[in-house]
C-alpha atoms as a PDB file:
ATOM      1  CA  UNK A   1       0.000   0.000   0.000  1.00  0.00           C
ATOM      2  CA  UNK A   2       2.929   2.335   0.604  1.00  0.00           C
ATOM      3  CA  UNK A   3       3.404   5.503   2.553  1.00  0.00           C
ATOM      4  CA  UNK A   4       0.362   7.814   2.764  1.00  0.00           C
ATOM      5  CA  UNK A   5       0.516  11.193   1.064  1.00  0.00           C
ATOM      6  CA  UNK A   6       0.426  13.998   3.632  1.00  0.00           C
ATOM      7  CA  UNK A   7       0.170  17.761   3.386  1.00  0.00           C
ATOM      8  CA  UNK A   8       2.706  19.835   5.320  1.00  0.00           C
ATOM      9  CA  UNK A   9       1.225  22.921   6.966  1.00  0.00           C
ATOM     10  CA  UNK A  10       3.057  26.199   7.379  1.00  0.00           C
ATOM     11  CA  UNK A  11       2.519  28.734  10.127  1.00  0.00           C
ATOM     12  CA  UNK A  12       2.391  28.949  13.880  1.00  0.00           C
ATOM     13  CA  UNK A  13       0.269  26.828  16.200  1.00  0.00           C
ATOM     14  CA  UNK A  14       0.023  23.646  14.124  1.00  0.00           C
ATOM     15  CA  UNK A  15      -2.053  20.875  15.681  1.00  0.00           C
ATOM     16  CA  UNK A  16      -0.775  17.312  15.311  1.00  0.00           C
ATOM     17  CA  UNK A  17      -2.029  13.800  15.984  1.00  0.00           C
ATOM     18  CA  UNK A  18      -0.984  12.756  19.486  1.00  0.00           C
ATOM     19  CA  UNK A  19      -0.075   9.244  18.340  1.00  0.00           C
ATOM     20  CA  UNK A  20       2.077   9.865  15.232  1.00  0.00           C
ATOM     21  CA  UNK A  21       2.656  13.653  15.048  1.00  0.00           C
ATOM     22  CA  UNK A  22       0.937  14.016  11.647  1.00  0.00           C
ATOM     23  CA  UNK A  23      -0.218  17.621  11.150  1.00  0.00           C
ATOM     24  CA  UNK A  24      -3.964  18.105  10.759  1.00  0.00           C
ATOM     25  CA  UNK A  25      -4.923  21.785  11.258  1.00  0.00           C
ATOM     26  CA  UNK A  26      -3.877  25.297  12.239  1.00  0.00           C
ATOM     27  CA  UNK A  27      -5.166  27.454  15.089  1.00  0.00           C
ATOM     28  CA  UNK A  28      -6.714  29.891  12.572  1.00  0.00           C
ATOM     29  CA  UNK A  29      -9.237  27.223  11.506  1.00  0.00           C
ATOM     30  CA  UNK A  30     -10.792  26.931  14.991  1.00  0.00           C
ATOM     31  CA  UNK A  31     -14.233  28.569  15.137  1.00  0.00           C
ATOM     32  CA  UNK A  32     -14.711  29.636  18.760  1.00  0.00           C
ATOM     33  CA  UNK A  33     -18.135  31.176  18.080  1.00  0.00           C
ATOM     34  CA  UNK A  34     -19.390  27.793  16.830  1.00  0.00           C
ATOM     35  CA  UNK A  35     -17.775  25.687  19.575  1.00  0.00           C
ATOM     36  CA  UNK A  36     -20.064  24.563  22.377  1.00  0.00           C
ATOM     37  CA  UNK A  37     -20.112  22.815  25.744  1.00  0.00           C
ATOM     38  CA  UNK A  38     -22.621  20.251  26.960  1.00  0.00           C
ATOM     39  CA  UNK A  39     -23.069  20.813  30.717  1.00  0.00           C
ATOM     40  CA  UNK A  40     -24.916  17.502  31.162  1.00  0.00           C
ATOM     41  CA  UNK A  41     -22.062  15.330  29.877  1.00  0.00           C
ATOM     42  CA  UNK A  42     -19.374  17.920  30.763  1.00  0.00           C
ATOM     43  CA  UNK A  43     -17.863  17.559  27.301  1.00  0.00           C
ATOM     44  CA  UNK A  44     -16.567  20.418  25.181  1.00  0.00           C
ATOM     45  CA  UNK A  45     -16.776  20.401  21.395  1.00  0.00           C
ATOM     46  CA  UNK A  46     -14.307  22.464  19.328  1.00  0.00           C
ATOM     47  CA  UNK A  47     -15.497  23.236  15.790  1.00  0.00           C
ATOM     48  CA  UNK A  48     -13.005  23.553  12.909  1.00  0.00           C
ATOM     49  CA  UNK A  49     -13.524  24.824   9.386  1.00  0.00           C
ATOM     50  CA  UNK A  50     -10.678  22.944   7.711  1.00  0.00           C
ATOM     51  CA  UNK A  51      -8.507  19.882   8.369  1.00  0.00           C
ATOM     52  CA  UNK A  52      -5.940  17.983   6.284  1.00  0.00           C
ATOM     53  CA  UNK A  53      -4.348  14.529   6.451  1.00  0.00           C
ATOM     54  CA  UNK A  54      -7.585  12.837   7.526  1.00  0.00           C
ATOM     55  CA  UNK A  55     -10.029  10.287   6.111  1.00  0.00           C
ATOM     56  CA  UNK A  56     -13.515   9.021   6.974  1.00  0.00           C
ATOM     57  CA  UNK A  57     -14.872   5.498   7.055  1.00  0.00           C
ATOM     58  CA  UNK A  58     -18.215   6.526   5.511  1.00  0.00           C
ATOM     59  CA  UNK A  59     -20.382   5.327   8.409  1.00  0.00           C
ATOM     60  CA  UNK A  60     -22.836   7.900   9.741  1.00  0.00           C
ATOM     61  CA  UNK A  61     -23.242   8.074  13.515  1.00  0.00           C
ATOM     62  CA  UNK A  62     -25.466  10.281  15.676  1.00  0.00           C
ATOM     63  CA  UNK A  63     -23.780  12.727  18.062  1.00  0.00           C
ATOM     64  CA  UNK A  64     -26.282  13.554  20.774  1.00  0.00           C
ATOM     65  CA  UNK A  65     -25.734  17.130  21.939  1.00  0.00           C
ATOM     66  CA  UNK A  66     -28.917  17.448  24.006  1.00  0.00           C
ATOM     67  CA  UNK A  67     -32.050  15.452  24.800  1.00  0.00           C
ATOM     68  CA  UNK A  68     -33.835  16.814  21.725  1.00  0.00           C
ATOM     69  CA  UNK A  69     -31.009  17.325  19.230  1.00  0.00           C
ATOM     70  CA  UNK A  70     -28.520  14.964  17.607  1.00  0.00           C
ATOM     71  CA  UNK A  71     -26.137  15.568  14.702  1.00  0.00           C
ATOM     72  CA  UNK A  72     -25.493  13.031  11.928  1.00  0.00           C
ATOM     73  CA  UNK A  73     -21.682  12.824  11.722  1.00  0.00           C
ATOM     74  CA  UNK A  74     -18.880  10.700  10.280  1.00  0.00           C
ATOM     75  CA  UNK A  75     -15.762   9.824  12.249  1.00  0.00           C
ATOM     76  CA  UNK A  76     -12.485  11.266  10.911  1.00  0.00           C
ATOM     77  CA  UNK A  77      -9.182   9.474  11.326  1.00  0.00           C
ATOM     78  CA  UNK A  78      -5.491  10.364  10.970  1.00  0.00           C
ATOM     79  CA  UNK A  79      -3.892   9.133   7.707  1.00  0.00           C
ATOM     80  CA  UNK A  80      -0.636   8.383   9.517  1.00  0.00           C
ATOM     81  CA  UNK A  81      -1.856   5.997  12.213  1.00  0.00           C
ATOM     82  CA  UNK A  82      -5.663   5.726  11.780  1.00  0.00           C
ATOM     83  CA  UNK A  83      -6.295   7.226  15.238  1.00  0.00           C
ATOM     84  CA  UNK A  84      -9.740   8.753  15.778  1.00  0.00           C
ATOM     85  CA  UNK A  85      -9.410  12.558  15.673  1.00  0.00           C
ATOM     86  CA  UNK A  86     -13.021  13.754  15.682  1.00  0.00           C
ATOM     87  CA  UNK A  87     -16.201  13.979  13.642  1.00  0.00           C
ATOM     88  CA  UNK A  88     -17.357  15.603  10.394  1.00  0.00           C
ATOM     89  CA  UNK A  89     -20.855  17.108  10.460  1.00  0.00           C
ATOM     90  CA  UNK A  90     -22.992  15.736   7.633  1.00  0.00           C
ATOM     91  CA  UNK A  91     -26.270  17.567   8.168  1.00  0.00           C
ATOM     92  CA  UNK A  92     -27.699  19.944  10.743  1.00  0.00           C
ATOM     93  CA  UNK A  93     -31.284  20.045  12.059  1.00  0.00           C
ATOM     94  CA  UNK A  94     -33.152  23.330  11.605  1.00  0.00           C
ATOM     95  CA  UNK A  95     -33.220  23.833  15.387  1.00  0.00           C
ATOM     96  CA  UNK A  96     -29.479  24.615  15.519  1.00  0.00           C
ATOM     97  CA  UNK A  97     -28.711  25.578  11.911  1.00  0.00           C
ATOM     98  CA  UNK A  98     -27.755  29.092  13.074  1.00  0.00           C
ATOM     99  CA  UNK A  99     -25.111  27.657  15.472  1.00  0.00           C
ATOM    100  CA  UNK A 100     -23.336  24.914  13.485  1.00  0.00           C
ATOM    101  CA  UNK A 101     -22.855  24.492   9.727  1.00  0.00           C
ATOM    102  CA  UNK A 102     -22.667  21.352   7.582  1.00  0.00           C
ATOM    103  CA  UNK A 103     -19.222  20.214   6.474  1.00  0.00           C
ATOM    104  CA  UNK A 104     -17.461  21.466   9.608  1.00  0.00           C
ATOM    105  CA  UNK A 105     -15.331  19.287  11.850  1.00  0.00           C
ATOM    106  CA  UNK A 106     -15.799  18.611  15.564  1.00  0.00           C
ATOM    107  CA  UNK A 107     -13.002  17.709  17.953  1.00  0.00           C
ATOM    108  CA  UNK A 108     -14.161  16.502  21.360  1.00  0.00           C
ATOM    109  CA  UNK A 109     -12.127  17.886  24.258  1.00  0.00           C
END
């Protein structure tokens, strides 16, 4: 299969995979106004506009963000080591369409 093709990012504050150090995004792609925190599960969700060096498995899962709302998402993995990095939002219900956009990426913190 060979070595995976990876994109090298330039700039300050590059985020890398914890397992293999493959670069996947820059600080400028974080969207703090779209990030959110679920006080029930005490989990924070960081929303990104752009990532590189990732792939999806194509399976859609439901991310439950409240009792009434769930987001259809696909898991995204690192191309270097196949570690789970986060989720890609596939579609957004009308209830929260103003808060989160389709095609964005979620990293759970």
